[in-house]
N, C-alpha and C. Protein backbone atom coordinates (compact mmCIF):
# COMPACT_ATOMS: atom_id res chain seq x y z
N MET A 1 40.87 179.22 46.87
CA MET A 1 40.91 178.27 47.97
C MET A 1 41.81 178.80 49.08
N SER A 2 41.58 178.29 50.26
CA SER A 2 42.36 178.69 51.43
C SER A 2 43.73 178.02 51.42
N SER A 3 44.67 178.66 52.08
CA SER A 3 46.02 178.10 52.19
C SER A 3 46.08 177.14 53.38
N PHE A 4 47.17 176.39 53.43
CA PHE A 4 47.38 175.49 54.57
C PHE A 4 47.36 176.28 55.87
N ALA A 5 48.10 177.38 55.93
CA ALA A 5 48.19 178.17 57.16
C ALA A 5 46.80 178.61 57.63
N GLU A 6 45.98 179.10 56.69
CA GLU A 6 44.62 179.54 57.04
C GLU A 6 43.80 178.38 57.60
N ARG A 7 43.86 177.25 56.93
CA ARG A 7 43.08 176.09 57.37
C ARG A 7 43.56 175.59 58.73
N PHE A 8 44.86 175.58 58.91
CA PHE A 8 45.44 175.09 60.16
C PHE A 8 44.97 175.93 61.34
N VAL A 9 45.05 177.25 61.17
CA VAL A 9 44.57 178.17 62.22
C VAL A 9 43.08 177.96 62.45
N GLN A 10 42.33 177.90 61.36
CA GLN A 10 40.87 177.74 61.46
C GLN A 10 40.51 176.47 62.23
N MET A 11 41.16 175.37 61.92
CA MET A 11 40.85 174.10 62.58
C MET A 11 41.20 174.16 64.08
N ARG A 12 42.34 174.77 64.39
CA ARG A 12 42.75 174.88 65.79
C ARG A 12 41.78 175.77 66.56
N GLU A 13 41.49 176.93 66.02
CA GLU A 13 40.62 177.88 66.71
C GLU A 13 39.19 177.36 66.84
N LYS A 14 38.73 176.65 65.84
CA LYS A 14 37.38 176.08 65.86
C LYS A 14 37.20 175.16 67.07
N ARG A 15 38.29 174.52 67.47
CA ARG A 15 38.24 173.60 68.60
C ARG A 15 38.57 174.26 69.94
N GLY A 16 38.93 175.54 69.86
CA GLY A 16 39.25 176.27 71.08
C GLY A 16 40.61 175.91 71.66
N TRP A 17 41.50 175.41 70.84
CA TRP A 17 42.82 175.00 71.30
C TRP A 17 43.81 176.14 71.13
N THR A 18 44.73 176.26 72.06
CA THR A 18 45.83 177.21 71.92
C THR A 18 46.92 176.55 71.08
N GLN A 19 47.90 177.34 70.67
CA GLN A 19 49.03 176.76 69.96
C GLN A 19 49.76 175.75 70.85
N ASP A 20 49.85 176.04 72.14
CA ASP A 20 50.49 175.10 73.07
C ASP A 20 49.71 173.79 73.15
N ASP A 21 48.37 173.88 73.19
CA ASP A 21 47.54 172.67 73.23
C ASP A 21 47.82 171.79 72.01
N LEU A 22 47.79 172.40 70.85
CA LEU A 22 47.98 171.66 69.61
C LEU A 22 49.40 171.11 69.52
N ALA A 23 50.37 171.89 69.94
CA ALA A 23 51.77 171.43 69.92
C ALA A 23 51.92 170.17 70.76
N GLU A 24 51.30 170.16 71.92
CA GLU A 24 51.38 168.98 72.80
C GLU A 24 50.71 167.77 72.14
N MET A 25 49.55 167.96 71.54
CA MET A 25 48.84 166.85 70.90
C MET A 25 49.61 166.28 69.72
N LEU A 26 50.31 167.15 69.00
CA LEU A 26 51.05 166.70 67.81
C LEU A 26 52.50 166.31 68.12
N GLY A 27 52.94 166.61 69.34
CA GLY A 27 54.31 166.26 69.72
C GLY A 27 55.37 167.14 69.07
N VAL A 28 55.04 168.42 68.90
CA VAL A 28 55.99 169.39 68.34
C VAL A 28 56.03 170.62 69.25
N SER A 29 56.90 171.56 68.93
CA SER A 29 57.00 172.78 69.73
C SER A 29 55.92 173.78 69.33
N ARG A 30 55.66 174.74 70.21
CA ARG A 30 54.73 175.81 69.89
C ARG A 30 55.27 176.65 68.75
N VAL A 31 56.59 176.78 68.66
CA VAL A 31 57.21 177.53 67.56
C VAL A 31 56.87 176.87 66.22
N SER A 32 56.88 175.54 66.18
CA SER A 32 56.51 174.82 64.95
C SER A 32 55.08 175.14 64.56
N ILE A 33 54.18 175.11 65.54
CA ILE A 33 52.77 175.43 65.27
C ILE A 33 52.67 176.84 64.72
N SER A 34 53.40 177.77 65.31
CA SER A 34 53.39 179.15 64.84
C SER A 34 53.85 179.25 63.38
N LYS A 35 54.88 178.49 63.03
CA LYS A 35 55.37 178.49 61.64
C LYS A 35 54.33 177.90 60.69
N TYR A 36 53.63 176.86 61.12
CA TYR A 36 52.59 176.26 60.28
C TYR A 36 51.44 177.24 60.05
N GLU A 37 51.25 178.14 60.99
CA GLU A 37 50.15 179.11 60.89
C GLU A 37 50.58 180.42 60.22
N THR A 38 51.80 180.48 59.74
CA THR A 38 52.33 181.68 59.11
C THR A 38 52.32 181.54 57.59
N GLU A 39 51.80 182.57 56.93
CA GLU A 39 51.77 182.60 55.46
C GLU A 39 53.14 183.00 54.91
N GLY A 40 53.39 182.67 53.66
CA GLY A 40 54.55 183.16 52.95
C GLY A 40 55.83 182.40 53.22
N LYS A 41 56.96 183.04 52.91
CA LYS A 41 58.25 182.35 52.97
C LYS A 41 58.70 182.04 54.40
N ASN A 42 58.15 182.71 55.39
CA ASN A 42 58.50 182.41 56.79
C ASN A 42 57.65 181.28 57.36
N GLY A 43 56.64 180.88 56.60
CA GLY A 43 55.77 179.81 57.05
C GLY A 43 56.34 178.44 56.71
N ALA A 44 55.66 177.41 57.16
CA ALA A 44 56.10 176.04 56.90
C ALA A 44 54.89 175.14 56.79
N THR A 45 55.07 174.04 56.11
CA THR A 45 54.07 172.98 56.04
C THR A 45 54.70 171.74 56.65
N PRO A 46 53.99 171.05 57.54
CA PRO A 46 54.60 169.88 58.17
C PRO A 46 54.89 168.77 57.17
N LYS A 47 55.85 167.94 57.52
CA LYS A 47 56.14 166.76 56.70
C LYS A 47 54.96 165.80 56.79
N TYR A 48 54.92 164.89 55.83
CA TYR A 48 53.76 164.02 55.65
C TYR A 48 53.26 163.34 56.93
N PRO A 49 54.11 162.67 57.73
CA PRO A 49 53.57 161.99 58.92
C PRO A 49 52.84 162.93 59.88
N LEU A 50 53.38 164.13 60.05
CA LEU A 50 52.73 165.10 60.94
C LEU A 50 51.48 165.68 60.30
N LEU A 51 51.50 165.85 58.99
CA LEU A 51 50.32 166.33 58.27
C LEU A 51 49.16 165.35 58.46
N VAL A 52 49.44 164.06 58.33
CA VAL A 52 48.41 163.03 58.52
C VAL A 52 47.92 163.04 59.96
N LYS A 53 48.83 163.18 60.91
CA LYS A 53 48.46 163.23 62.32
C LYS A 53 47.53 164.41 62.60
N ALA A 54 47.86 165.57 62.01
CA ALA A 54 47.02 166.76 62.19
C ALA A 54 45.65 166.56 61.55
N ALA A 55 45.62 165.99 60.36
CA ALA A 55 44.33 165.74 59.69
C ALA A 55 43.48 164.78 60.52
N ASP A 56 44.10 163.75 61.08
CA ASP A 56 43.36 162.82 61.94
C ASP A 56 42.83 163.53 63.18
N LEU A 57 43.65 164.35 63.78
CA LEU A 57 43.24 165.09 64.97
C LEU A 57 42.09 166.04 64.68
N PHE A 58 42.15 166.72 63.53
CA PHE A 58 41.10 167.66 63.15
C PHE A 58 39.91 166.96 62.49
N ASN A 59 40.07 165.67 62.20
CA ASN A 59 39.04 164.88 61.53
C ASN A 59 38.67 165.47 60.16
N VAL A 60 39.70 165.80 59.40
CA VAL A 60 39.54 166.28 58.03
C VAL A 60 40.52 165.54 57.15
N THR A 61 40.42 165.73 55.86
CA THR A 61 41.36 165.10 54.94
C THR A 61 42.62 165.96 54.84
N THR A 62 43.73 165.33 54.45
CA THR A 62 44.96 166.08 54.21
C THR A 62 44.76 167.05 53.05
N ASP A 63 43.99 166.64 52.06
CA ASP A 63 43.72 167.54 50.92
C ASP A 63 43.02 168.81 51.39
N TYR A 64 42.11 168.68 52.35
CA TYR A 64 41.43 169.86 52.87
C TYR A 64 42.43 170.78 53.58
N LEU A 65 43.28 170.20 54.44
CA LEU A 65 44.26 171.02 55.14
C LEU A 65 45.20 171.73 54.18
N LEU A 66 45.56 171.06 53.10
CA LEU A 66 46.48 171.63 52.12
C LEU A 66 45.81 172.62 51.18
N GLY A 67 44.49 172.78 51.30
CA GLY A 67 43.76 173.72 50.47
C GLY A 67 43.46 173.19 49.08
N ARG A 68 43.54 171.86 48.91
CA ARG A 68 43.30 171.26 47.59
C ARG A 68 41.83 170.97 47.34
N THR A 69 41.03 171.00 48.39
CA THR A 69 39.60 170.75 48.26
C THR A 69 38.86 171.62 49.26
N GLU A 70 37.61 171.88 48.99
CA GLU A 70 36.78 172.69 49.89
C GLU A 70 36.02 171.82 50.88
N SER A 71 36.02 170.52 50.67
CA SER A 71 35.27 169.62 51.55
C SER A 71 36.19 168.99 52.58
N PRO A 72 35.94 169.27 53.86
CA PRO A 72 36.77 168.67 54.91
C PRO A 72 36.38 167.24 55.24
N LEU A 73 35.28 166.78 54.66
CA LEU A 73 34.70 165.51 55.06
C LEU A 73 35.50 164.30 54.63
N ARG A 74 35.45 163.31 55.48
CA ARG A 74 35.99 162.00 55.16
C ARG A 74 35.10 160.99 55.85
N ASP A 75 35.23 159.77 55.44
CA ASP A 75 34.44 158.72 56.07
C ASP A 75 35.04 158.44 57.44
N GLU A 76 34.33 158.84 58.47
CA GLU A 76 34.84 158.71 59.83
C GLU A 76 34.84 157.27 60.33
N ASN A 77 34.15 156.40 59.64
CA ASN A 77 34.05 155.02 60.10
C ASN A 77 35.03 154.07 59.43
N THR A 78 35.85 154.58 58.53
CA THR A 78 36.82 153.75 57.83
C THR A 78 38.16 154.46 57.84
N VAL A 79 39.20 153.70 58.12
CA VAL A 79 40.55 154.25 58.13
C VAL A 79 41.41 153.40 57.21
N ASP A 80 42.03 154.04 56.23
CA ASP A 80 42.90 153.32 55.32
C ASP A 80 44.06 152.68 56.09
N GLY A 81 44.46 151.51 55.64
CA GLY A 81 45.63 150.85 56.20
C GLY A 81 45.36 149.96 57.40
N LEU A 82 44.10 149.86 57.83
CA LEU A 82 43.78 148.99 58.95
C LEU A 82 43.26 147.65 58.44
N SER A 83 43.60 146.60 59.17
CA SER A 83 43.07 145.28 58.83
C SER A 83 41.57 145.27 59.12
N GLU A 84 40.91 144.23 58.66
CA GLU A 84 39.47 144.12 58.90
C GLU A 84 39.17 144.08 60.39
N GLU A 85 39.99 143.35 61.14
CA GLU A 85 39.81 143.26 62.59
C GLU A 85 40.02 144.62 63.25
N GLU A 86 41.05 145.36 62.81
CA GLU A 86 41.31 146.69 63.36
C GLU A 86 40.19 147.66 63.01
N GLN A 87 39.64 147.53 61.79
CA GLN A 87 38.50 148.38 61.39
C GLN A 87 37.32 148.15 62.33
N LEU A 88 37.05 146.89 62.63
CA LEU A 88 35.94 146.56 63.53
C LEU A 88 36.18 147.12 64.92
N MET A 89 37.40 146.96 65.43
CA MET A 89 37.74 147.50 66.75
C MET A 89 37.56 149.02 66.76
N TYR A 90 38.03 149.67 65.69
CA TYR A 90 37.93 151.12 65.58
C TYR A 90 36.47 151.57 65.57
N LYS A 91 35.66 150.93 64.73
CA LYS A 91 34.24 151.31 64.63
C LYS A 91 33.53 151.13 65.97
N ARG A 92 33.83 150.03 66.66
CA ARG A 92 33.19 149.78 67.95
C ARG A 92 33.63 150.83 68.98
N PHE A 93 34.92 151.10 69.01
CA PHE A 93 35.45 152.09 69.95
C PHE A 93 34.80 153.46 69.72
N ILE A 94 34.75 153.89 68.45
CA ILE A 94 34.20 155.20 68.12
C ILE A 94 32.71 155.25 68.47
N SER A 95 31.98 154.21 68.12
CA SER A 95 30.55 154.16 68.38
C SER A 95 30.26 154.21 69.88
N GLU A 96 30.96 153.38 70.65
CA GLU A 96 30.73 153.33 72.09
C GLU A 96 31.13 154.64 72.77
N THR A 97 32.23 155.23 72.33
CA THR A 97 32.68 156.49 72.91
C THR A 97 31.68 157.61 72.61
N GLU A 98 31.24 157.67 71.36
CA GLU A 98 30.27 158.71 70.99
C GLU A 98 28.97 158.53 71.78
N ASN A 99 28.50 157.31 71.90
CA ASN A 99 27.27 157.05 72.66
C ASN A 99 27.42 157.46 74.12
N LEU A 100 28.58 157.19 74.70
CA LEU A 100 28.82 157.56 76.09
C LEU A 100 28.73 159.08 76.26
N PHE A 101 29.41 159.82 75.41
CA PHE A 101 29.40 161.28 75.53
C PHE A 101 28.02 161.86 75.23
N ARG A 102 27.33 161.30 74.26
CA ARG A 102 25.98 161.77 73.97
C ARG A 102 25.07 161.54 75.18
N SER A 103 25.22 160.41 75.86
CA SER A 103 24.37 160.11 77.03
C SER A 103 24.63 161.08 78.17
N LYS A 104 25.79 161.72 78.16
CA LYS A 104 26.13 162.69 79.20
C LYS A 104 25.68 164.10 78.85
N GLY A 105 25.05 164.26 77.66
CA GLY A 105 24.51 165.55 77.26
C GLY A 105 25.55 166.54 76.75
N VAL A 106 26.65 166.04 76.24
CA VAL A 106 27.71 166.91 75.72
C VAL A 106 27.20 167.62 74.46
N THR A 107 27.55 168.90 74.31
CA THR A 107 27.13 169.66 73.12
C THR A 107 27.77 169.07 71.87
N GLU A 108 27.16 169.35 70.71
CA GLU A 108 27.68 168.83 69.44
C GLU A 108 29.09 169.33 69.18
N GLU A 109 29.34 170.59 69.47
CA GLU A 109 30.69 171.14 69.24
C GLU A 109 31.71 170.43 70.13
N LYS A 110 31.39 170.27 71.39
CA LYS A 110 32.31 169.59 72.31
C LYS A 110 32.46 168.12 71.89
N LEU A 111 31.38 167.51 71.45
CA LEU A 111 31.44 166.12 70.99
C LEU A 111 32.38 165.99 69.80
N ARG A 112 32.31 166.91 68.85
CA ARG A 112 33.22 166.87 67.70
C ARG A 112 34.67 166.98 68.15
N GLN A 113 34.92 167.87 69.10
CA GLN A 113 36.29 168.03 69.61
C GLN A 113 36.78 166.75 70.28
N VAL A 114 35.96 166.22 71.17
CA VAL A 114 36.33 165.01 71.90
C VAL A 114 36.53 163.84 70.94
N MET A 115 35.62 163.69 69.99
CA MET A 115 35.72 162.55 69.07
C MET A 115 36.94 162.67 68.16
N GLY A 116 37.29 163.88 67.75
CA GLY A 116 38.51 164.06 66.97
C GLY A 116 39.72 163.60 67.75
N TYR A 117 39.76 163.98 69.02
CA TYR A 117 40.88 163.57 69.86
C TYR A 117 40.85 162.06 70.12
N MET A 118 39.69 161.50 70.33
CA MET A 118 39.58 160.05 70.58
C MET A 118 40.02 159.26 69.36
N ARG A 119 39.63 159.72 68.15
CA ARG A 119 40.08 159.05 66.92
C ARG A 119 41.59 159.08 66.84
N TYR A 120 42.15 160.26 67.07
CA TYR A 120 43.60 160.42 67.04
C TYR A 120 44.26 159.48 68.05
N THR A 121 43.75 159.45 69.27
CA THR A 121 44.34 158.63 70.33
C THR A 121 44.29 157.15 69.97
N PHE A 122 43.14 156.69 69.50
CA PHE A 122 43.00 155.28 69.13
C PHE A 122 44.01 154.91 68.05
N LEU A 123 44.06 155.70 66.99
CA LEU A 123 44.95 155.39 65.86
C LEU A 123 46.42 155.51 66.25
N ASN A 124 46.74 156.48 67.08
CA ASN A 124 48.12 156.64 67.55
C ASN A 124 48.53 155.45 68.41
N ASP A 125 47.66 155.02 69.32
CA ASP A 125 47.95 153.86 70.17
C ASP A 125 48.12 152.61 69.33
N LEU A 126 47.27 152.44 68.33
CA LEU A 126 47.36 151.28 67.45
C LEU A 126 48.69 151.29 66.69
N GLU A 127 49.09 152.46 66.22
CA GLU A 127 50.37 152.59 65.51
C GLU A 127 51.54 152.25 66.43
N GLU A 128 51.49 152.74 67.67
CA GLU A 128 52.55 152.45 68.63
C GLU A 128 52.60 150.96 68.95
N GLU A 129 51.43 150.34 69.08
CA GLU A 129 51.37 148.90 69.34
C GLU A 129 52.00 148.12 68.20
N LYS A 130 51.70 148.52 66.96
CA LYS A 130 52.27 147.85 65.79
C LYS A 130 53.79 148.00 65.76
N LYS A 131 54.28 149.20 66.09
CA LYS A 131 55.72 149.42 66.12
C LYS A 131 56.38 148.52 67.16
N GLY A 132 55.72 148.39 68.30
CA GLY A 132 56.25 147.53 69.37
C GLY A 132 56.33 146.08 68.93
N ARG A 133 55.31 145.62 68.23
CA ARG A 133 55.30 144.23 67.73
C ARG A 133 56.38 144.02 66.67
N ASN A 134 56.60 145.02 65.85
CA ASN A 134 57.57 144.89 64.77
C ASN A 134 59.01 144.97 65.27
N SER A 135 59.24 145.58 66.43
CA SER A 135 60.61 145.73 66.93
C SER A 135 61.06 144.56 67.79
N LYS A 136 60.15 143.64 68.06
CA LYS A 136 60.52 142.48 68.92
C LYS A 136 61.12 141.38 68.10
């Protein structure tokens, strides 16, 4: 099976992102991304919250990123930890966004990239909203 570093590089390159692009999306430095992409004792694996964020961004499972499974697939229409109302909002948002981009004639590869980022953005915004509600 592939290592985390190999999978991480593969997922980034598949989307045409630079290390700087990915660092910005994940909220870390480019040096951190470089360490995640390095094999051996000089390499690093992100802590759990960042690992989940990366998996969401790449639209794969954490097990796939960690090299524990060969299947990157997950159910894109269901997200663990969301209420029923949030699940419905998520499904509607994803469906409407995908339909919009398809109507514009976006290629499948570009659509996968955009949808991965849109999923990440939606879930990140929802998480930030929940934090805001909990801190009041």
